[in-house]
Amino acid sequence: MNTSKNNTAQADKGGKQSARNHPFYDPTLKSRHVRSKLFKLFTFLSITFAISFLLFFLGDMIIKGLPAFKQTYIEVDVTYNDKTIKSTRRAIDKKYRKVVSRAWLRNIPRLVKQNPALMGTTQPTWVLANSQVDQYLKGHHYKLKDKYRKLIDTMNQDGKVEMRFNKIFFTHGDSKIPENSGFKSAIVGSVLTLIVTMVVAFPLGVMTAVYLEEFADDNRWTQLIEVNINNLAAIPSILFGLLGLAVFINLFGMPRSSPLVGGLTLALMTLPIIIVSSRAALRSVPDSIRQAGYGLGLTRVQVVQDHVLPLAFPGIMTGSIIGLAQAMGETAPLIIIGMIAFIPDAPGSIFEAATVMPAQIFTWAGMPERAYIERTAAGIMVLISILITLNALAIYLRKKFEVKW
């Protein structure tokens, strides 16, 4: 038995020895296998860590942001007369004055103007509760006094407290009163700013890419232009804000904090992305398409306009949408040109003062009230939803219109 084991061991040893003596034997093979396994392990751990961090971030944001889409309303008796119109605090009983939102009380004159029949009456009305009551009902007890807690608990038992969908978040602009603050002005400002961005950046970017790729000679001048375009795509975005401040506001006197200046500033930042992606899309069109057009007697302009550009358009659109999504998430250049100002009303044109979603989120993040923390997370959820939608649209257009050669 021992003899057979010794023979087997000697055979294995002899086999290993013969393998080592083989002319193609690699002595580093074992260590390379070990390094390969370690590399796979590190790769797996890195992906796991990244996904875990992303899930943690999204989960924390959703947990904090979802309560912002609910707002507390309470039912109280409201008296409408000349005295209460002049001093709106007198419209409700004294014990409720510390739990009702000041923003709602300010609307009493407007309500009477809309419905004159309210004058001289006392009506049970569902009114907006202040942020302290709202946060108390959402589980945060740190500011509401005990007597008001008891009052709200009693009203809740009597069915005079409700949590409703927070329409104010989508119908109002920013406010110093937390429960009356909304995201509307930031959304409208972002839309107007991005319209200006695309109106300026898209045609200029595409035309520049077409010229450089289809018409320009390959010389030092065009090479210098290409190097500068690639460098512009990599510089910090805040420098574009300084450029916008110096050129559009200080030099040309355009209105500060307006979507016009913001859109032009973001257009400068987006141009390199559109140019690079458009050139890549034009380069992907086979030369056989161009040669076939020339063979039919078409001019270079006709070939590019009627054949090359339509085939490259899906790729151009994809790059442009991605550039637009990146511009939507920018804050630094817009802070420089003043688009972080307090904007309670949505702008009616590109010349009026406005803010954008990232700037509004930045402003809310610095507020001490708990209600603004909820609105910060809710604003991030809205912004990320729009960005995901834009990126999904870019992927869809690329897949739908992609031509495989």
Protein backbone atom coordinates (compact mmCIF):
# COMPACT_ATOMS: atom_id res chain seq x y z
CA MET A 1 0.00 0.00 0.00
CA ASN A 2 2.77 2.39 0.99
CA THR A 3 4.68 1.37 -2.13
CA SER A 4 1.75 2.40 -4.40
CA LYS A 5 1.44 5.78 -2.65
CA ASN A 6 5.15 6.37 -3.07
CA ASN A 7 4.92 5.45 -6.74
CA THR A 8 2.01 7.88 -7.22
CA ALA A 9 3.86 10.70 -5.46
CA GLN A 10 6.97 10.04 -7.52
CA ALA A 11 4.86 10.03 -10.70
CA ASP A 12 3.29 13.39 -9.80
CA LYS A 13 6.64 14.82 -8.93
CA GLY A 14 8.05 13.53 -12.14
CA GLY A 15 5.13 14.99 -14.11
CA LYS A 16 5.62 18.42 -12.55
CA GLN A 17 9.34 18.19 -13.16
CA SER A 18 8.79 17.29 -16.80
CA ALA A 19 6.32 20.17 -17.17
CA ARG A 20 8.88 22.56 -15.77
CA ASN A 21 11.44 21.26 -18.23
CA HIS A 22 9.04 21.83 -21.14
CA PRO A 23 10.40 24.52 -23.50
CA PHE A 24 7.11 26.53 -23.31
CA TYR A 25 6.74 26.30 -19.54
CA ASP A 26 5.95 29.68 -17.91
CA PRO A 27 7.13 29.88 -14.27
CA THR A 28 4.84 32.89 -13.65
CA LEU A 29 1.69 30.98 -14.62
CA LYS A 30 0.65 30.18 -11.04
CA SER A 31 1.15 33.75 -9.82
CA ARG A 32 -0.77 35.09 -12.81
CA HIS A 33 -3.71 32.82 -11.97
CA VAL A 34 -3.65 34.13 -8.41
CA ARG A 35 -3.57 37.75 -9.62
CA SER A 36 -6.43 37.03 -12.02
CA LYS A 37 -8.58 35.68 -9.19
CA LEU A 38 -7.73 38.67 -7.01
CA PHE A 39 -8.58 41.05 -9.85
CA LYS A 40 -11.97 39.38 -10.33
CA LEU A 41 -12.59 39.58 -6.59
CA PHE A 42 -11.71 43.29 -6.44
CA THR A 43 -13.91 43.96 -9.48
CA PHE A 44 -16.85 42.18 -7.87
CA LEU A 45 -16.33 44.04 -4.58
CA SER A 46 -16.11 47.39 -6.40
CA ILE A 47 -19.35 46.80 -8.29
CA THR A 48 -21.05 45.59 -5.12
CA PHE A 49 -19.89 48.68 -3.22
CA ALA A 50 -21.01 51.04 -6.00
CA ILE A 51 -24.47 49.43 -6.24
CA SER A 52 -24.83 49.40 -2.45
CA PHE A 53 -23.90 53.08 -2.23
CA LEU A 54 -26.35 53.94 -5.03
CA LEU A 55 -29.16 51.99 -3.37
CA PHE A 56 -28.38 53.64 -0.04
CA PHE A 57 -28.42 57.10 -1.61
CA LEU A 58 -31.67 56.50 -3.50
CA GLY A 59 -33.31 54.85 -0.49
CA ASP A 60 -32.34 57.68 1.85
CA MET A 61 -33.53 60.27 -0.66
CA ILE A 62 -36.88 58.54 -1.20
CA ILE A 63 -37.47 58.08 2.53
CA LYS A 64 -36.79 61.78 3.17
CA GLY A 65 -38.51 63.07 0.05
CA LEU A 66 -41.79 61.16 -0.07
CA PRO A 67 -43.31 62.95 2.97
CA ALA A 68 -42.95 66.25 1.10
CA PHE A 69 -45.68 65.15 -1.30
CA LYS A 70 -48.16 65.13 1.59
CA GLN A 71 -49.31 68.26 3.41
CA THR A 72 -51.42 68.71 6.56
CA TYR A 73 -54.78 70.52 6.52
CA ILE A 74 -57.01 71.22 9.53
CA GLU A 75 -60.66 72.20 9.75
CA VAL A 76 -61.40 75.42 11.66
CA ASP A 77 -64.13 78.07 11.66
CA VAL A 78 -63.17 81.10 9.58
CA THR A 79 -64.97 84.44 10.00
CA TYR A 80 -65.17 86.78 7.01
CA ASN A 81 -65.81 90.48 7.73
CA ASP A 82 -64.14 93.88 7.46
CA LYS A 83 -62.04 93.35 10.59
CA THR A 84 -60.70 89.98 9.49
CA ILE A 85 -59.84 91.31 6.05
CA LYS A 86 -57.75 94.08 7.63
CA SER A 87 -56.22 91.75 10.23
CA THR A 88 -56.38 88.21 8.90
CA ARG A 89 -55.25 86.67 12.18
CA ARG A 90 -58.64 87.58 13.66
CA ALA A 91 -60.41 85.39 11.12
CA ILE A 92 -59.90 82.30 13.29
CA ASP A 93 -60.15 81.56 16.97
CA LYS A 94 -57.13 82.54 19.04
CA LYS A 95 -56.25 78.97 20.05
CA TYR A 96 -55.77 77.96 16.41
CA ARG A 97 -53.62 80.88 15.32
CA LYS A 98 -50.33 79.12 16.11
CA VAL A 99 -51.21 76.01 14.10
CA VAL A 100 -52.56 77.63 10.92
CA SER A 101 -50.21 78.70 8.13
CA ARG A 102 -49.61 82.44 7.79
CA ALA A 103 -49.59 81.97 4.04
CA TRP A 104 -53.18 80.72 4.07
CA LEU A 105 -54.36 83.61 6.27
CA ARG A 106 -52.91 86.08 3.77
CA ASN A 107 -55.21 84.61 1.11
CA ILE A 108 -58.42 85.60 2.95
CA PRO A 109 -58.84 88.94 1.09
CA ARG A 110 -58.39 87.14 -2.21
CA LEU A 111 -60.98 84.50 -1.22
CA VAL A 112 -63.51 87.20 -0.33
CA LYS A 113 -62.82 88.99 -3.61
CA GLN A 114 -63.43 85.78 -5.54
CA ASN A 115 -66.58 84.95 -3.56
CA PRO A 116 -68.25 88.09 -2.09
CA ALA A 117 -71.00 85.93 -0.54
CA LEU A 118 -68.51 84.96 2.21
CA MET A 119 -68.66 88.44 3.75
CA GLY A 120 -70.42 88.47 7.11
CA THR A 121 -70.33 84.69 7.53
CA THR A 122 -68.43 82.13 9.56
CA GLN A 123 -67.59 78.98 7.62
CA PRO A 124 -65.95 75.70 8.69
CA THR A 125 -62.99 75.56 6.32
CA TRP A 126 -60.09 73.23 5.65
CA VAL A 127 -57.02 75.42 5.96
CA LEU A 128 -53.31 74.81 5.52
CA ALA A 129 -51.53 73.92 8.77
CA ASN A 130 -48.11 75.36 9.49
CA SER A 131 -44.92 73.40 9.05
CA GLN A 132 -44.55 72.60 12.77
CA VAL A 133 -47.92 70.83 12.85
CA ASP A 134 -47.12 69.09 9.58
CA GLN A 135 -43.79 67.83 10.89
CA TYR A 136 -45.37 66.74 14.17
CA LEU A 137 -47.86 64.55 12.33
CA LYS A 138 -45.01 63.13 10.25
CA GLY A 139 -43.19 62.01 13.41
CA HIS A 140 -40.89 64.96 14.14
CA HIS A 141 -41.78 66.44 17.54
CA TYR A 142 -38.92 68.79 18.22
CA LYS A 143 -40.62 72.21 17.80
CA LEU A 144 -44.35 71.96 18.49
CA LYS A 145 -45.27 72.90 22.08
CA ASP A 146 -47.15 70.46 24.30
CA LYS A 147 -50.40 72.44 24.34
CA TYR A 148 -50.51 72.51 20.56
CA ARG A 149 -49.69 68.81 20.40
CA LYS A 150 -52.72 68.10 22.60
CA LEU A 151 -54.85 70.41 20.45
CA ILE A 152 -53.80 68.65 17.22
CA ASP A 153 -54.28 65.21 18.80
CA THR A 154 -57.82 66.18 19.86
CA MET A 155 -58.62 67.56 16.39
CA ASN A 156 -57.19 64.42 14.81
CA GLN A 157 -59.47 62.24 16.94
CA ASP A 158 -62.43 64.39 15.88
CA GLY A 159 -61.58 63.95 12.19
CA LYS A 160 -60.52 67.55 11.71
CA VAL A 161 -56.99 66.77 10.52
CA GLU A 162 -56.13 65.42 7.06
CA MET A 163 -52.98 64.64 5.11
CA ARG A 164 -53.56 65.60 1.47
CA PHE A 165 -51.48 65.52 -1.68
CA ASN A 166 -49.19 68.55 -1.67
CA LYS A 167 -50.34 70.44 -4.76
CA ILE A 168 -48.48 73.50 -3.48
CA PHE A 169 -45.17 71.80 -4.33
CA PHE A 170 -46.07 71.89 -8.04
CA THR A 171 -48.18 75.08 -8.17
CA HIS A 172 -46.13 77.55 -6.09
CA GLY A 173 -42.66 79.01 -6.21
CA ASP A 174 -40.18 79.43 -3.40
CA SER A 175 -41.36 80.91 -0.11
CA LYS A 176 -39.93 81.87 3.25
CA ILE A 177 -42.89 80.02 4.77
CA PRO A 178 -41.89 76.34 4.52
CA GLU A 179 -45.36 74.85 4.04
CA ASN A 180 -46.07 77.32 1.21
CA SER A 181 -42.86 76.71 -0.76
CA GLY A 182 -42.96 74.92 -4.08
CA PHE A 183 -40.89 73.85 -7.06
CA LYS A 184 -42.91 75.44 -9.88
CA SER A 185 -40.74 78.51 -10.50
CA ALA A 186 -37.61 76.32 -10.63
CA ILE A 187 -39.23 73.90 -13.10
CA VAL A 188 -40.43 76.71 -15.37
CA GLY A 189 -37.05 78.45 -15.13
CA SER A 190 -35.25 75.22 -16.06
CA VAL A 191 -37.52 74.67 -19.06
CA LEU A 192 -37.01 78.22 -20.38
CA THR A 193 -33.25 78.02 -19.79
CA LEU A 194 -32.93 74.69 -21.60
CA ILE A 195 -35.03 75.95 -24.53
CA VAL A 196 -32.54 78.80 -24.99
CA THR A 197 -29.67 76.35 -24.60
CA MET A 198 -30.87 73.99 -27.31
CA VAL A 199 -31.98 76.74 -29.71
CA VAL A 200 -28.43 78.14 -29.60
CA ALA A 201 -26.24 75.08 -29.03
CA PHE A 202 -27.90 72.49 -31.28
CA PRO A 203 -27.70 74.24 -34.69
CA LEU A 204 -24.27 75.75 -33.96
CA GLY A 205 -22.90 72.43 -32.71
CA VAL A 206 -24.26 70.39 -35.61
CA MET A 207 -23.14 72.89 -38.25
CA THR A 208 -19.67 73.07 -36.72
CA ALA A 209 -19.42 69.27 -36.70
CA VAL A 210 -20.59 69.06 -40.32
CA TYR A 211 -18.05 71.65 -41.44
CA LEU A 212 -15.13 70.06 -39.58
CA GLU A 213 -15.98 66.53 -40.65
CA GLU A 214 -17.22 67.01 -44.22
CA PHE A 215 -15.84 70.27 -45.63
CA ALA A 216 -12.77 71.47 -43.71
CA ASP A 217 -9.28 70.57 -44.92
CA ASP A 218 -7.04 68.64 -42.56
CA ASN A 219 -4.48 71.33 -41.73
CA ARG A 220 -2.99 72.96 -38.67
CA TRP A 221 -5.89 75.39 -38.35
CA THR A 222 -8.56 72.68 -38.14
CA GLN A 223 -6.34 70.60 -35.87
CA LEU A 224 -6.03 73.58 -33.53
CA ILE A 225 -9.82 73.99 -33.53
CA GLU A 226 -10.32 70.30 -32.70
CA VAL A 227 -7.83 70.46 -29.82
CA ASN A 228 -9.59 73.50 -28.37
CA ILE A 229 -13.03 71.89 -28.69
CA ASN A 230 -11.81 68.80 -26.84
CA ASN A 231 -10.24 71.00 -24.16
CA LEU A 232 -13.47 72.99 -23.73
CA ALA A 233 -15.34 69.77 -23.01
CA ALA A 234 -13.05 69.08 -20.05
CA ILE A 235 -12.70 72.42 -18.25
CA PRO A 236 -14.65 73.10 -15.00
CA SER A 237 -18.19 74.32 -15.58
CA ILE A 238 -17.81 77.27 -13.21
CA LEU A 239 -15.46 78.91 -15.74
CA PHE A 240 -18.35 79.07 -18.19
CA GLY A 241 -20.30 80.93 -15.52
CA LEU A 242 -17.50 83.48 -15.23
CA LEU A 243 -17.46 83.80 -19.03
CA GLY A 244 -21.24 84.31 -19.09
CA LEU A 245 -20.99 86.96 -16.37
CA ALA A 246 -18.21 88.82 -18.17
CA VAL A 247 -19.64 88.66 -21.70
CA PHE A 248 -23.43 88.47 -21.53
CA ILE A 249 -24.07 90.56 -18.40
CA ASN A 250 -21.13 92.97 -18.05
CA LEU A 251 -20.37 93.47 -21.74
CA PHE A 252 -23.77 93.18 -23.45
CA GLY A 253 -25.91 94.24 -20.48
CA MET A 254 -28.34 91.33 -20.62
CA PRO A 255 -30.74 90.92 -17.64
CA ARG A 256 -29.09 89.19 -14.72
CA SER A 257 -30.62 85.94 -13.40
CA SER A 258 -32.66 85.51 -16.59
CA PRO A 259 -33.15 82.27 -18.54
CA LEU A 260 -31.67 84.10 -21.55
CA VAL A 261 -28.27 84.52 -19.90
CA GLY A 262 -28.48 81.11 -18.23
CA GLY A 263 -29.35 79.42 -21.52
CA LEU A 264 -26.52 81.15 -23.40
CA THR A 265 -24.05 80.22 -20.66
CA LEU A 266 -25.13 76.57 -20.70
CA ALA A 267 -25.03 76.65 -24.51
CA LEU A 268 -21.33 77.49 -24.36
CA MET A 269 -20.82 74.56 -22.01
CA THR A 270 -22.93 72.15 -24.11
CA LEU A 271 -21.45 73.07 -27.50
CA PRO A 272 -18.30 70.90 -27.22
CA ILE A 273 -20.39 67.85 -26.24
CA ILE A 274 -22.72 68.29 -29.21
CA ILE A 275 -19.83 68.89 -31.61
CA VAL A 276 -17.89 65.81 -30.49
CA SER A 277 -20.94 63.52 -30.53
CA SER A 278 -22.12 64.88 -33.89
CA ARG A 279 -18.73 64.33 -35.45
CA ALA A 280 -18.69 60.76 -34.17
CA ALA A 281 -22.16 60.19 -35.67
CA LEU A 282 -21.08 61.65 -39.04
CA ARG A 283 -17.91 59.57 -38.99
CA SER A 284 -19.96 56.40 -38.49
CA VAL A 285 -21.65 56.83 -41.89
CA PRO A 286 -19.71 54.67 -44.41
CA ASP A 287 -17.79 56.43 -47.16
CA SER A 288 -19.60 54.24 -49.68
CA ILE A 289 -22.70 56.40 -49.13
CA ARG A 290 -20.75 59.50 -50.07
CA GLN A 291 -19.05 57.83 -53.04
CA ALA A 292 -22.40 56.61 -54.35
CA GLY A 293 -23.76 60.17 -54.24
CA TYR A 294 -20.74 61.54 -56.04
CA GLY A 295 -21.11 58.80 -58.63
CA LEU A 296 -24.63 60.04 -59.34
CA GLY A 297 -23.33 63.55 -59.94
CA LEU A 298 -24.43 65.09 -56.63
CA THR A 299 -22.50 67.95 -55.11
CA ARG A 300 -20.86 67.65 -51.71
CA VAL A 301 -23.56 69.81 -50.15
CA GLN A 302 -26.30 67.59 -51.61
CA VAL A 303 -24.59 64.42 -50.41
CA VAL A 304 -24.22 65.75 -46.88
CA GLN A 305 -27.67 67.32 -46.72
CA ASP A 306 -29.71 64.51 -48.28
CA HIS A 307 -27.77 61.37 -47.36
CA VAL A 308 -25.08 61.70 -44.69
CA LEU A 309 -26.87 64.01 -42.26
CA PRO A 310 -30.18 62.03 -42.17
CA LEU A 311 -28.28 58.80 -41.50
CA ALA A 312 -26.22 60.42 -38.73
CA PHE A 313 -29.17 62.27 -37.19
CA PRO A 314 -30.08 59.57 -34.59
CA GLY A 315 -26.56 59.70 -33.18
CA ILE A 316 -26.61 63.49 -33.25
CA MET A 317 -29.91 63.55 -31.35
CA THR A 318 -28.58 61.10 -28.77
CA GLY A 319 -25.51 63.22 -28.06
CA SER A 320 -27.59 66.39 -27.94
CA ILE A 321 -30.06 64.94 -25.43
CA ILE A 322 -27.23 63.73 -23.22
CA GLY A 323 -25.67 67.19 -23.38
CA LEU A 324 -29.04 68.71 -22.48
CA ALA A 325 -29.35 66.37 -19.49
CA GLN A 326 -25.89 67.36 -18.30
CA ALA A 327 -26.76 71.05 -18.65
CA MET A 328 -29.96 70.54 -16.65
CA GLY A 329 -27.97 69.27 -13.68
CA GLU A 330 -25.47 72.14 -13.64
CA THR A 331 -25.47 74.59 -10.73
CA ALA A 332 -22.07 76.28 -10.54
CA PRO A 333 -22.21 78.40 -13.75
CA LEU A 334 -25.79 79.52 -12.98
CA ILE A 335 -24.85 80.59 -9.45
CA ILE A 336 -22.23 82.92 -10.92
CA ILE A 337 -24.81 84.70 -13.12
CA GLY A 338 -27.29 85.07 -10.24
CA MET A 339 -29.84 82.33 -10.91
CA ILE A 340 -29.82 81.29 -7.27
CA ALA A 341 -31.90 84.30 -6.24
CA PHE A 342 -35.15 84.03 -4.25
CA ILE A 343 -37.83 83.64 -6.95
CA PRO A 344 -41.38 83.27 -5.56
CA ASP A 345 -43.15 83.55 -8.94
CA ALA A 346 -42.54 81.57 -12.11
CA PRO A 347 -40.99 83.66 -14.92
CA GLY A 348 -43.23 84.56 -17.83
CA SER A 349 -40.46 84.98 -20.39
CA ILE A 350 -36.76 84.41 -20.91
CA PHE A 351 -36.02 88.01 -19.88
CA GLU A 352 -37.45 87.81 -16.35
CA ALA A 353 -35.54 86.73 -13.24
CA ALA A 354 -35.65 82.98 -12.70
CA THR A 355 -34.05 80.10 -10.91
CA VAL A 356 -33.47 76.49 -11.95
CA MET A 357 -34.02 73.16 -10.24
CA PRO A 358 -30.42 72.49 -9.09
CA ALA A 359 -30.14 76.04 -7.71
CA GLN A 360 -33.48 75.73 -5.88
CA ILE A 361 -32.35 72.44 -4.35
CA PHE A 362 -29.09 74.09 -3.29
CA THR A 363 -31.04 76.94 -1.65
CA TRP A 364 -33.38 74.61 0.24
CA ALA A 365 -30.47 72.47 1.42
CA GLY A 366 -29.13 75.44 3.38
CA MET A 367 -32.42 76.18 5.19
CA PRO A 368 -32.69 75.12 8.86
CA GLU A 369 -36.37 74.07 8.91
CA ARG A 370 -37.15 70.36 8.69
CA ALA A 371 -39.79 70.97 6.00
CA TYR A 372 -37.08 72.25 3.63
CA ILE A 373 -35.10 69.04 4.12
CA GLU A 374 -38.11 67.12 2.80
CA ARG A 375 -38.46 69.51 -0.12
CA THR A 376 -34.76 69.23 -0.91
CA ALA A 377 -35.07 65.44 -1.23
CA ALA A 378 -38.33 65.78 -3.18
CA GLY A 379 -36.68 68.25 -5.57
CA ILE A 380 -33.81 65.83 -6.11
CA MET A 381 -36.33 63.08 -6.88
CA VAL A 382 -38.03 65.28 -9.49
CA LEU A 383 -34.69 66.30 -11.05
CA ILE A 384 -33.38 62.73 -11.18
CA SER A 385 -36.66 61.53 -12.69
CA ILE A 386 -36.34 64.09 -15.49
CA LEU A 387 -32.68 63.20 -16.09
CA ILE A 388 -33.46 59.48 -16.21
CA THR A 389 -36.29 60.19 -18.65
CA LEU A 390 -33.99 62.20 -20.93
CA ASN A 391 -31.29 59.52 -20.88
CA ALA A 392 -33.89 56.80 -21.51
CA LEU A 393 -35.19 58.85 -24.46
CA ALA A 394 -31.66 59.12 -25.84
CA ILE A 395 -31.18 55.34 -25.58
CA TYR A 396 -34.58 54.71 -27.19
CA LEU A 397 -33.87 57.01 -30.13
CA ARG A 398 -30.46 55.44 -30.63
CA LYS A 399 -31.89 51.91 -30.65
CA LYS A 400 -34.90 52.81 -32.79
CA PHE A 401 -33.11 54.66 -35.56
CA GLU A 402 -29.70 53.01 -35.36
CA VAL A 403 -28.45 51.76 -38.72
CA LYS A 404 -26.05 48.82 -38.70
CA TRP A 405 -23.66 48.67 -41.62
